[in-house]
Amino acid sequence: MDAGYKTPWICKRIIDDGRLPALPYKRPMTKKGFHEWYKYVYDEYLDIVICPEYKSLPYSTTNRKGYREYKSLRYQCEACQTRQLCTESRSCQNSKYLLMI
């Protein structure tokens, strides 16, 4: 399968048809000097992402590509010591995405 076809809708359709998709590997894209992607942990029970400083990033929305978007809370990030490793945003918001199939 081509990387352009690796979308949640197509993957779900293939799995629902009882087939096993062959999906290409996509290297995690993390900015140099920022926290690595694996330092963020998803808590399925609470439906939140936990940042490396143990702050919660609650669910915000699902974007057009089918990714669930989790955004940090401004008041938590303003006083964070490692904020520069998470975001360059002036509003102190960081967003992480999870693919939902």
PDB file of N, CA and C in Angstrom:
ATOM      1  N   MET A   1       0.841  -1.166   0.000  1.00  0.00           N
ATOM      2  CA  MET A   1       0.000   0.000   0.000  1.00  0.00           C
ATOM      3  C   MET A   1       0.886   1.230   0.000  1.00  0.00           C
ATOM      4  N   ASP A   2       0.531   2.200  -0.773  1.00  0.00           N
ATOM      5  CA  ASP A   2       1.251   3.464  -0.864  1.00  0.00           C
ATOM      6  C   ASP A   2       0.956   4.307   0.380  1.00  0.00           C
ATOM      7  N   ALA A   3       1.921   5.143   0.783  1.00  0.00           N
ATOM      8  CA  ALA A   3       1.754   5.966   1.982  1.00  0.00           C
ATOM      9  C   ALA A   3       0.575   6.924   1.856  1.00  0.00           C
ATOM     10  N   GLY A   4       0.218   7.331   0.647  1.00  0.00           N
ATOM     11  CA  GLY A   4      -0.905   8.231   0.448  1.00  0.00           C
ATOM     12  C   GLY A   4      -2.240   7.604   0.778  1.00  0.00           C
ATOM     13  N   TYR A   5      -2.298   6.286   0.817  1.00  0.00           N
ATOM     14  CA  TYR A   5      -3.543   5.584   1.135  1.00  0.00           C
ATOM     15  C   TYR A   5      -3.645   5.202   2.609  1.00  0.00           C
ATOM     16  N   LYS A   6      -2.675   5.605   3.403  1.00  0.00           N
ATOM     17  CA  LYS A   6      -2.676   5.269   4.831  1.00  0.00           C
ATOM     18  C   LYS A   6      -3.507   6.311   5.581  1.00  0.00           C
ATOM     19  N   THR A   7      -4.817   6.206   5.420  1.00  0.00           N
ATOM     20  CA  THR A   7      -5.742   7.107   6.103  1.00  0.00           C
ATOM     21  C   THR A   7      -6.646   6.259   7.007  1.00  0.00           C
ATOM     22  N   PRO A   8      -7.189   6.849   8.062  1.00  0.00           N
ATOM     23  CA  PRO A   8      -8.046   6.080   8.959  1.00  0.00           C
ATOM     24  C   PRO A   8      -9.227   5.415   8.250  1.00  0.00           C
ATOM     25  N   TRP A   9      -9.869   6.132   7.330  1.00  0.00           N
ATOM     26  CA  TRP A   9     -11.047   5.590   6.658  1.00  0.00           C
ATOM     27  C   TRP A   9     -10.686   4.373   5.812  1.00  0.00           C
ATOM     28  N   ILE A  10      -9.607   4.465   5.038  1.00  0.00           N
ATOM     29  CA  ILE A  10      -9.202   3.344   4.180  1.00  0.00           C
ATOM     30  C   ILE A  10      -8.758   2.155   5.023  1.00  0.00           C
ATOM     31  N   CYS A  11      -7.993   2.403   6.081  1.00  0.00           N
ATOM     32  CA  CYS A  11      -7.532   1.307   6.948  1.00  0.00           C
ATOM     33  C   CYS A  11      -8.716   0.601   7.604  1.00  0.00           C
ATOM     34  N   LYS A  12      -9.686   1.373   8.098  1.00  0.00           N
ATOM     35  CA  LYS A  12     -10.860   0.770   8.723  1.00  0.00           C
ATOM     36  C   LYS A  12     -11.631  -0.072   7.716  1.00  0.00           C
ATOM     37  N   ARG A  13     -11.777   0.407   6.516  1.00  0.00           N
ATOM     38  CA  ARG A  13     -12.510  -0.322   5.475  1.00  0.00           C
ATOM     39  C   ARG A  13     -11.828  -1.653   5.147  1.00  0.00           C
ATOM     40  N   ILE A  14     -10.502  -1.647   5.054  1.00  0.00           N
ATOM     41  CA  ILE A  14      -9.749  -2.867   4.768  1.00  0.00           C
ATOM     42  C   ILE A  14      -9.915  -3.878   5.895  1.00  0.00           C
ATOM     43  N   ILE A  15      -9.804  -3.405   7.145  1.00  0.00           N
ATOM     44  CA  ILE A  15      -9.931  -4.292   8.309  1.00  0.00           C
ATOM     45  C   ILE A  15     -11.353  -4.826   8.423  1.00  0.00           C
ATOM     46  N   ASP A  16     -12.353  -3.961   8.181  1.00  0.00           N
ATOM     47  CA  ASP A  16     -13.750  -4.406   8.223  1.00  0.00           C
ATOM     48  C   ASP A  16     -14.054  -5.460   7.157  1.00  0.00           C
ATOM     49  N   ASP A  17     -13.331  -5.427   6.045  1.00  0.00           N
ATOM     50  CA  ASP A  17     -13.505  -6.420   4.983  1.00  0.00           C
ATOM     51  C   ASP A  17     -12.815  -7.743   5.314  1.00  0.00           C
ATOM     52  N   GLY A  18     -12.152  -7.807   6.470  1.00  0.00           N
ATOM     53  CA  GLY A  18     -11.504  -9.042   6.894  1.00  0.00           C
ATOM     54  C   GLY A  18     -10.126  -9.239   6.295  1.00  0.00           C
ATOM     55  N   ARG A  19      -9.545  -8.173   5.752  1.00  0.00           N
ATOM     56  CA  ARG A  19      -8.205  -8.277   5.173  1.00  0.00           C
ATOM     57  C   ARG A  19      -7.196  -7.620   6.102  1.00  0.00           C
ATOM     58  N   LEU A  20      -5.941  -7.961   5.917  1.00  0.00           N
ATOM     59  CA  LEU A  20      -4.867  -7.402   6.716  1.00  0.00           C
ATOM     60  C   LEU A  20      -4.086  -6.411   5.850  1.00  0.00           C
ATOM     61  N   PRO A  21      -4.095  -5.127   6.196  1.00  0.00           N
ATOM     62  CA  PRO A  21      -3.396  -4.149   5.354  1.00  0.00           C
ATOM     63  C   PRO A  21      -1.885  -4.211   5.536  1.00  0.00           C
ATOM     64  N   ALA A  22      -1.164  -3.950   4.462  1.00  0.00           N
ATOM     65  CA  ALA A  22       0.295  -3.825   4.519  1.00  0.00           C
ATOM     66  C   ALA A  22       0.588  -2.333   4.509  1.00  0.00           C
ATOM     67  N   LEU A  23       0.907  -1.785   5.666  1.00  0.00           N
ATOM     68  CA  LEU A  23       1.088  -0.351   5.805  1.00  0.00           C
ATOM     69  C   LEU A  23       2.561   0.008   5.834  1.00  0.00           C
ATOM     70  N   PRO A  24       2.947   1.094   5.161  1.00  0.00           N
ATOM     71  CA  PRO A  24       4.350   1.509   5.170  1.00  0.00           C
ATOM     72  C   PRO A  24       4.733   2.115   6.513  1.00  0.00           C
ATOM     73  N   TYR A  25       6.003   2.030   6.839  1.00  0.00           N
ATOM     74  CA  TYR A  25       6.507   2.634   8.065  1.00  0.00           C
ATOM     75  C   TYR A  25       6.663   4.136   7.842  1.00  0.00           C
ATOM     76  N   LYS A  26       6.250   4.919   8.808  1.00  0.00           N
ATOM     77  CA  LYS A  26       6.433   6.361   8.741  1.00  0.00           C
ATOM     78  C   LYS A  26       7.215   6.774   9.971  1.00  0.00           C
ATOM     79  N   ARG A  27       8.360   7.344   9.738  1.00  0.00           N
ATOM     80  CA  ARG A  27       9.238   7.776  10.814  1.00  0.00           C
ATOM     81  C   ARG A  27       8.567   8.869  11.637  1.00  0.00           C
ATOM     82  N   PRO A  28       8.611   8.774  12.979  1.00  0.00           N
ATOM     83  CA  PRO A  28       8.030   9.830  13.816  1.00  0.00           C
ATOM     84  C   PRO A  28       8.752  11.151  13.550  1.00  0.00           C
ATOM     85  N   MET A  29       7.988  12.219  13.424  1.00  0.00           N
ATOM     86  CA  MET A  29       8.575  13.509  13.112  1.00  0.00           C
ATOM     87  C   MET A  29       8.544  14.394  14.355  1.00  0.00           C
ATOM     88  N   THR A  30       9.700  14.562  14.977  1.00  0.00           N
ATOM     89  CA  THR A  30       9.844  15.398  16.155  1.00  0.00           C
ATOM     90  C   THR A  30      10.873  16.461  15.828  1.00  0.00           C
ATOM     91  N   LYS A  31      10.591  17.699  16.209  1.00  0.00           N
ATOM     92  CA  LYS A  31      11.553  18.765  15.956  1.00  0.00           C
ATOM     93  C   LYS A  31      12.825  18.517  16.753  1.00  0.00           C
ATOM     94  N   LYS A  32      13.946  18.874  16.167  1.00  0.00           N
ATOM     95  CA  LYS A  32      15.232  18.708  16.838  1.00  0.00           C
ATOM     96  C   LYS A  32      15.287  19.624  18.067  1.00  0.00           C
ATOM     97  N   GLY A  33      15.669  19.051  19.208  1.00  0.00           N
ATOM     98  CA  GLY A  33      15.751  19.810  20.445  1.00  0.00           C
ATOM     99  C   GLY A  33      14.466  19.800  21.262  1.00  0.00           C
ATOM    100  N   PHE A  34      13.437  19.144  20.771  1.00  0.00           N
ATOM    101  CA  PHE A  34      12.164  19.060  21.484  1.00  0.00           C
ATOM    102  C   PHE A  34      12.037  17.684  22.128  1.00  0.00           C
ATOM    103  N   HIS A  35      11.030  17.525  23.005  1.00  0.00           N
ATOM    104  CA  HIS A  35      10.764  16.219  23.621  1.00  0.00           C
ATOM    105  C   HIS A  35      10.470  15.199  22.523  1.00  0.00           C
ATOM    106  N   GLU A  36      10.973  13.989  22.681  1.00  0.00           N
ATOM    107  CA  GLU A  36      10.692  12.924  21.728  1.00  0.00           C
ATOM    108  C   GLU A  36       9.237  12.504  21.853  1.00  0.00           C
ATOM    109  N   TRP A  37       8.679  11.981  20.773  1.00  0.00           N
ATOM    110  CA  TRP A  37       7.263  11.609  20.714  1.00  0.00           C
ATOM    111  C   TRP A  37       6.901  10.551  21.753  1.00  0.00           C
ATOM    112  N   TYR A  38       7.840   9.653  22.066  1.00  0.00           N
ATOM    113  CA  TYR A  38       7.532   8.551  22.975  1.00  0.00           C
ATOM    114  C   TYR A  38       7.490   8.982  24.436  1.00  0.00           C
ATOM    115  N   LYS A  39       7.839  10.221  24.732  1.00  0.00           N
ATOM    116  CA  LYS A  39       7.745  10.712  26.106  1.00  0.00           C
ATOM    117  C   LYS A  39       6.329  11.147  26.464  1.00  0.00           C
ATOM    118  N   TYR A  40       5.467  11.243  25.468  1.00  0.00           N
ATOM    119  CA  TYR A  40       4.065  11.560  25.694  1.00  0.00           C
ATOM    120  C   TYR A  40       3.300  10.243  25.775  1.00  0.00           C
ATOM    121  N   VAL A  41       2.470  10.098  26.802  1.00  0.00           N
ATOM    122  CA  VAL A  41       1.774   8.833  27.050  1.00  0.00           C
ATOM    123  C   VAL A  41       0.267   9.054  26.939  1.00  0.00           C
ATOM    124  N   TYR A  42      -0.411   8.138  26.234  1.00  0.00           N
ATOM    125  CA  TYR A  42      -1.860   8.215  26.094  1.00  0.00           C
ATOM    126  C   TYR A  42      -2.520   7.383  27.179  1.00  0.00           C
ATOM    127  N   ASP A  43      -3.448   7.999  27.913  1.00  0.00           N
ATOM    128  CA  ASP A  43      -4.224   7.296  28.932  1.00  0.00           C
ATOM    129  C   ASP A  43      -5.607   7.037  28.341  1.00  0.00           C
ATOM    130  N   GLU A  44      -5.850   5.784  27.989  1.00  0.00           N
ATOM    131  CA  GLU A  44      -7.093   5.404  27.324  1.00  0.00           C
ATOM    132  C   GLU A  44      -8.308   5.581  28.237  1.00  0.00           C
ATOM    133  N   TYR A  45      -8.161   5.294  29.504  1.00  0.00           N
ATOM    134  CA  TYR A  45      -9.281   5.381  30.442  1.00  0.00           C
ATOM    135  C   TYR A  45      -9.786   6.823  30.570  1.00  0.00           C
ATOM    136  N   LEU A  46      -8.867   7.768  30.742  1.00  0.00           N
ATOM    137  CA  LEU A  46      -9.238   9.177  30.893  1.00  0.00           C
ATOM    138  C   LEU A  46      -9.328   9.915  29.561  1.00  0.00           C
ATOM    139  N   ASP A  47      -8.861   9.305  28.482  1.00  0.00           N
ATOM    140  CA  ASP A  47      -8.815   9.907  27.151  1.00  0.00           C
ATOM    141  C   ASP A  47      -8.036  11.219  27.172  1.00  0.00           C
ATOM    142  N   ILE A  48      -6.815  11.141  27.697  1.00  0.00           N
ATOM    143  CA  ILE A  48      -5.910  12.292  27.723  1.00  0.00           C
ATOM    144  C   ILE A  48      -4.518  11.840  27.308  1.00  0.00           C
ATOM    145  N   VAL A  49      -3.680  12.795  26.942  1.00  0.00           N
ATOM    146  CA  VAL A  49      -2.265  12.546  26.707  1.00  0.00           C
ATOM    147  C   VAL A  49      -1.525  13.181  27.876  1.00  0.00           C
ATOM    148  N   ILE A  50      -0.542  12.481  28.420  1.00  0.00           N
ATOM    149  CA  ILE A  50       0.240  12.985  29.546  1.00  0.00           C
ATOM    150  C   ILE A  50       1.614  13.389  29.018  1.00  0.00           C
ATOM    151  N   CYS A  51       1.988  14.640  29.276  1.00  0.00           N
ATOM    152  CA  CYS A  51       3.267  15.166  28.779  1.00  0.00           C
ATOM    153  C   CYS A  51       4.414  14.694  29.679  1.00  0.00           C
ATOM    154  N   PRO A  52       5.671  14.926  29.275  1.00  0.00           N
ATOM    155  CA  PRO A  52       6.815  14.512  30.091  1.00  0.00           C
ATOM    156  C   PRO A  52       6.873  15.159  31.473  1.00  0.00           C
ATOM    157  N   GLU A  53       6.185  16.276  31.667  1.00  0.00           N
ATOM    158  CA  GLU A  53       6.139  16.935  32.975  1.00  0.00           C
ATOM    159  C   GLU A  53       4.902  16.521  33.770  1.00  0.00           C
ATOM    160  N   TYR A  54       4.237  15.453  33.326  1.00  0.00           N
ATOM    161  CA  TYR A  54       3.075  14.864  34.003  1.00  0.00           C
ATOM    162  C   TYR A  54       1.867  15.804  34.060  1.00  0.00           C
ATOM    163  N   LYS A  55       1.701  16.614  33.041  1.00  0.00           N
ATOM    164  CA  LYS A  55       0.519  17.461  32.898  1.00  0.00           C
ATOM    165  C   LYS A  55      -0.403  16.815  31.865  1.00  0.00           C
ATOM    166  N   SER A  56      -1.699  17.052  31.990  1.00  0.00           N
ATOM    167  CA  SER A  56      -2.653  16.425  31.075  1.00  0.00           C
ATOM    168  C   SER A  56      -2.925  17.314  29.870  1.00  0.00           C
ATOM    169  N   LEU A  57      -3.060  16.665  28.714  1.00  0.00           N
ATOM    170  CA  LEU A  57      -3.471  17.324  27.488  1.00  0.00           C
ATOM    171  C   LEU A  57      -4.822  16.720  27.125  1.00  0.00           C
ATOM    172  N   PRO A  58      -5.936  17.389  27.446  1.00  0.00           N
ATOM    173  CA  PRO A  58      -7.258  16.818  27.184  1.00  0.00           C
ATOM    174  C   PRO A  58      -7.605  16.833  25.697  1.00  0.00           C
ATOM    175  N   TYR A  59      -8.582  15.991  25.331  1.00  0.00           N
ATOM    176  CA  TYR A  59      -9.056  15.914  23.950  1.00  0.00           C
ATOM    177  C   TYR A  59      -9.649  17.256  23.547  1.00  0.00           C
ATOM    178  N   SER A  60      -9.310  17.713  22.349  1.00  0.00           N
ATOM    179  CA  SER A  60      -9.812  18.986  21.855  1.00  0.00           C
ATOM    180  C   SER A  60     -10.787  18.785  20.701  1.00  0.00           C
ATOM    181  N   THR A  61     -10.345  18.110  19.641  1.00  0.00           N
ATOM    182  CA  THR A  61     -11.179  17.932  18.457  1.00  0.00           C
ATOM    183  C   THR A  61     -10.591  16.845  17.565  1.00  0.00           C
ATOM    184  N   THR A  62     -11.321  16.472  16.544  1.00  0.00           N
ATOM    185  CA  THR A  62     -10.806  15.571  15.516  1.00  0.00           C
ATOM    186  C   THR A  62     -10.643  16.400  14.245  1.00  0.00           C
ATOM    187  N   ASN A  63      -9.442  16.386  13.672  1.00  0.00           N
ATOM    188  CA  ASN A  63      -9.214  17.215  12.496  1.00  0.00           C
ATOM    189  C   ASN A  63      -9.704  16.530  11.224  1.00  0.00           C
ATOM    190  N   ARG A  64      -9.584  17.198  10.097  1.00  0.00           N
ATOM    191  CA  ARG A  64     -10.101  16.690   8.829  1.00  0.00           C
ATOM    192  C   ARG A  64      -9.428  15.405   8.365  1.00  0.00           C
ATOM    193  N   LYS A  65      -8.217  15.174   8.819  1.00  0.00           N
ATOM    194  CA  LYS A  65      -7.494  13.966   8.414  1.00  0.00           C
ATOM    195  C   LYS A  65      -7.841  12.758   9.286  1.00  0.00           C
ATOM    196  N   GLY A  66      -8.679  12.953  10.273  1.00  0.00           N
ATOM    197  CA  GLY A  66      -9.100  11.850  11.132  1.00  0.00           C
ATOM    198  C   GLY A  66      -8.253  11.667  12.377  1.00  0.00           C
ATOM    199  N   TYR A  67      -7.375  12.611  12.657  1.00  0.00           N
ATOM    200  CA  TYR A  67      -6.540  12.535  13.849  1.00  0.00           C
ATOM    201  C   TYR A  67      -7.247  13.223  15.012  1.00  0.00           C
ATOM    202  N   ARG A  68      -7.189  12.588  16.170  1.00  0.00           N
ATOM    203  CA  ARG A  68      -7.731  13.202  17.374  1.00  0.00           C
ATOM    204  C   ARG A  68      -6.674  14.166  17.888  1.00  0.00           C
ATOM    205  N   GLU A  69      -7.091  15.364  18.258  1.00  0.00           N
ATOM    206  CA  GLU A  69      -6.167  16.409  18.653  1.00  0.00           C
ATOM    207  C   GLU A  69      -6.287  16.649  20.150  1.00  0.00           C
ATOM    208  N   TYR A  70      -5.170  16.633  20.829  1.00  0.00           N
ATOM    209  CA  TYR A  70      -5.112  16.854  22.272  1.00  0.00           C
ATOM    210  C   TYR A  70      -4.272  18.095  22.507  1.00  0.00           C
ATOM    211  N   LYS A  71      -4.815  19.080  23.222  1.00  0.00           N
ATOM    212  CA  LYS A  71      -4.107  20.340  23.448  1.00  0.00           C
ATOM    213  C   LYS A  71      -3.855  20.554  24.925  1.00  0.00           C
ATOM    214  N   SER A  72      -2.711  21.165  25.208  1.00  0.00           N
ATOM    215  CA  SER A  72      -2.357  21.461  26.592  1.00  0.00           C
ATOM    216  C   SER A  72      -3.189  22.631  27.106  1.00  0.00           C
ATOM    217  N   LEU A  73      -3.263  22.726  28.407  1.00  0.00           N
ATOM    218  CA  LEU A  73      -3.986  23.815  29.053  1.00  0.00           C
ATOM    219  C   LEU A  73      -3.010  24.961  29.304  1.00  0.00           C
ATOM    220  N   ARG A  74      -3.393  26.143  28.885  1.00  0.00           N
ATOM    221  CA  ARG A  74      -2.503  27.299  28.926  1.00  0.00           C
ATOM    222  C   ARG A  74      -1.946  27.572  30.327  1.00  0.00           C
ATOM    223  N   TYR A  75      -2.818  27.539  31.335  1.00  0.00           N
ATOM    224  CA  TYR A  75      -2.375  27.876  32.687  1.00  0.00           C
ATOM    225  C   TYR A  75      -1.362  26.869  33.230  1.00  0.00           C
ATOM    226  N   GLN A  76      -1.384  25.632  32.745  1.00  0.00           N
ATOM    227  CA  GLN A  76      -0.409  24.640  33.192  1.00  0.00           C
ATOM    228  C   GLN A  76       0.949  24.874  32.538  1.00  0.00           C
ATOM    229  N   CYS A  77       0.944  25.287  31.288  1.00  0.00           N
ATOM    230  CA  CYS A  77       2.190  25.410  30.529  1.00  0.00           C
ATOM    231  C   CYS A  77       2.918  26.729  30.751  1.00  0.00           C
ATOM    232  N   GLU A  78       2.216  27.752  31.203  1.00  0.00           N
ATOM    233  CA  GLU A  78       2.865  29.055  31.396  1.00  0.00           C
ATOM    234  C   GLU A  78       4.001  28.984  32.405  1.00  0.00           C
ATOM    235  N   ALA A  79       3.853  28.193  33.442  1.00  0.00           N
ATOM    236  CA  ALA A  79       4.875  28.098  34.487  1.00  0.00           C
ATOM    237  C   ALA A  79       5.785  26.878  34.342  1.00  0.00           C
ATOM    238  N   CYS A  80       5.653  26.143  33.253  1.00  0.00           N
ATOM    239  CA  CYS A  80       6.429  24.922  33.061  1.00  0.00           C
ATOM    240  C   CYS A  80       7.898  25.236  32.782  1.00  0.00           C
ATOM    241  N   GLN A  81       8.780  24.483  33.427  1.00  0.00           N
ATOM    242  CA  GLN A  81      10.221  24.701  33.269  1.00  0.00           C
ATOM    243  C   GLN A  81      10.750  24.215  31.928  1.00  0.00           C
ATOM    244  N   THR A  82      10.074  23.243  31.317  1.00  0.00           N
ATOM    245  CA  THR A  82      10.563  22.696  30.047  1.00  0.00           C
ATOM    246  C   THR A  82       9.659  23.065  28.872  1.00  0.00           C
ATOM    247  N   ARG A  83       8.947  24.181  28.978  1.00  0.00           N
ATOM    248  CA  ARG A  83       8.025  24.598  27.922  1.00  0.00           C
ATOM    249  C   ARG A  83       8.722  24.757  26.575  1.00  0.00           C
ATOM    250  N   GLN A  84       9.952  25.232  26.570  1.00  0.00           N
ATOM    251  CA  GLN A  84      10.683  25.447  25.326  1.00  0.00           C
ATOM    252  C   GLN A  84      10.979  24.130  24.604  1.00  0.00           C
ATOM    253  N   LEU A  85      10.852  22.995  25.297  1.00  0.00           N
ATOM    254  CA  LEU A  85      11.051  21.689  24.670  1.00  0.00           C
ATOM    255  C   LEU A  85       9.757  21.132  24.091  1.00  0.00           C
ATOM    256  N   CYS A  86       8.629  21.813  24.338  1.00  0.00           N
ATOM    257  CA  CYS A  86       7.329  21.345  23.858  1.00  0.00           C
ATOM    258  C   CYS A  86       6.765  22.203  22.744  1.00  0.00           C
ATOM    259  N   THR A  87       6.839  23.508  22.926  1.00  0.00           N
ATOM    260  CA  THR A  87       6.160  24.398  21.982  1.00  0.00           C
ATOM    261  C   THR A  87       6.901  25.722  21.833  1.00  0.00           C
ATOM    262  N   GLU A  88       6.710  26.332  20.678  1.00  0.00           N
ATOM    263  CA  GLU A  88       7.223  27.677  20.427  1.00  0.00           C
ATOM    264  C   GLU A  88       6.070  28.673  20.412  1.00  0.00           C
ATOM    265  N   SER A  89       4.880  28.205  20.749  1.00  0.00           N
ATOM    266  CA  SER A  89       3.666  29.007  20.700  1.00  0.00           C
ATOM    267  C   SER A  89       3.667  30.074  21.786  1.00  0.00           C
ATOM    268  N   ARG A  90       3.267  31.283  21.425  1.00  0.00           N
ATOM    269  CA  ARG A  90       3.160  32.368  22.405  1.00  0.00           C
ATOM    270  C   ARG A  90       1.998  32.141  23.357  1.00  0.00           C
ATOM    271  N   SER A  91       0.993  31.412  22.896  1.00  0.00           N
ATOM    272  CA  SER A  91      -0.172  31.156  23.743  1.00  0.00           C
ATOM    273  C   SER A  91       0.067  29.980  24.685  1.00  0.00           C
ATOM    274  N   CYS A  92       1.282  29.433  24.694  1.00  0.00           N
ATOM    275  CA  CYS A  92       1.667  28.324  25.580  1.00  0.00           C
ATOM    276  C   CYS A  92       0.809  27.088  25.359  1.00  0.00           C
ATOM    277  N   GLN A  93       0.384  26.851  24.134  1.00  0.00           N
ATOM    278  CA  GLN A  93      -0.389  25.649  23.857  1.00  0.00           C
ATOM    279  C   GLN A  93       0.402  24.719  22.967  1.00  0.00           C
ATOM    280  N   ASN A  94       0.347  23.470  23.319  1.00  0.00           N
ATOM    281  CA  ASN A  94       1.000  22.420  22.563  1.00  0.00           C
ATOM    282  C   ASN A  94      -0.082  21.444  22.153  1.00  0.00           C
ATOM    283  N   SER A  95       0.014  20.906  20.953  1.00  0.00           N
ATOM    284  CA  SER A  95      -0.976  19.908  20.555  1.00  0.00           C
ATOM    285  C   SER A  95      -0.278  18.653  20.076  1.00  0.00           C
ATOM    286  N   LYS A  96      -0.825  17.529  20.450  1.00  0.00           N
ATOM    287  CA  LYS A  96      -0.334  16.217  20.031  1.00  0.00           C
ATOM    288  C   LYS A  96      -1.474  15.487  19.360  1.00  0.00           C
ATOM    289  N   TYR A  97      -1.164  14.626  18.424  1.00  0.00           N
ATOM    290  CA  TYR A  97      -2.197  13.933  17.673  1.00  0.00           C
ATOM    291  C   TYR A  97      -2.097  12.428  17.869  1.00  0.00           C
ATOM    292  N   LEU A  98      -3.250  11.787  17.861  1.00  0.00           N
ATOM    293  CA  LEU A  98      -3.320  10.340  17.908  1.00  0.00           C
ATOM    294  C   LEU A  98      -4.169   9.880  16.740  1.00  0.00           C
ATOM    295  N   LEU A  99      -3.703   8.884  16.037  1.00  0.00           N
ATOM    296  CA  LEU A  99      -4.473   8.345  14.931  1.00  0.00           C
ATOM    297  C   LEU A  99      -5.517   7.383  15.460  1.00  0.00           C
ATOM    298  N   MET A 100      -6.746   7.609  15.096  1.00  0.00           N
ATOM    299  CA  MET A 100      -7.833   6.728  15.536  1.00  0.00           C
ATOM    300  C   MET A 100      -8.391   5.989  14.325  1.00  0.00           C
ATOM    301  N   ILE A 101      -8.401   4.672  14.386  1.00  0.00           N
ATOM    302  CA  ILE A 101      -8.921   3.863  13.278  1.00  0.00           C
ATOM    303  C   ILE A 101     -10.230   3.263  13.681  1.00  0.00           C
TER     304      ILE A 101
END
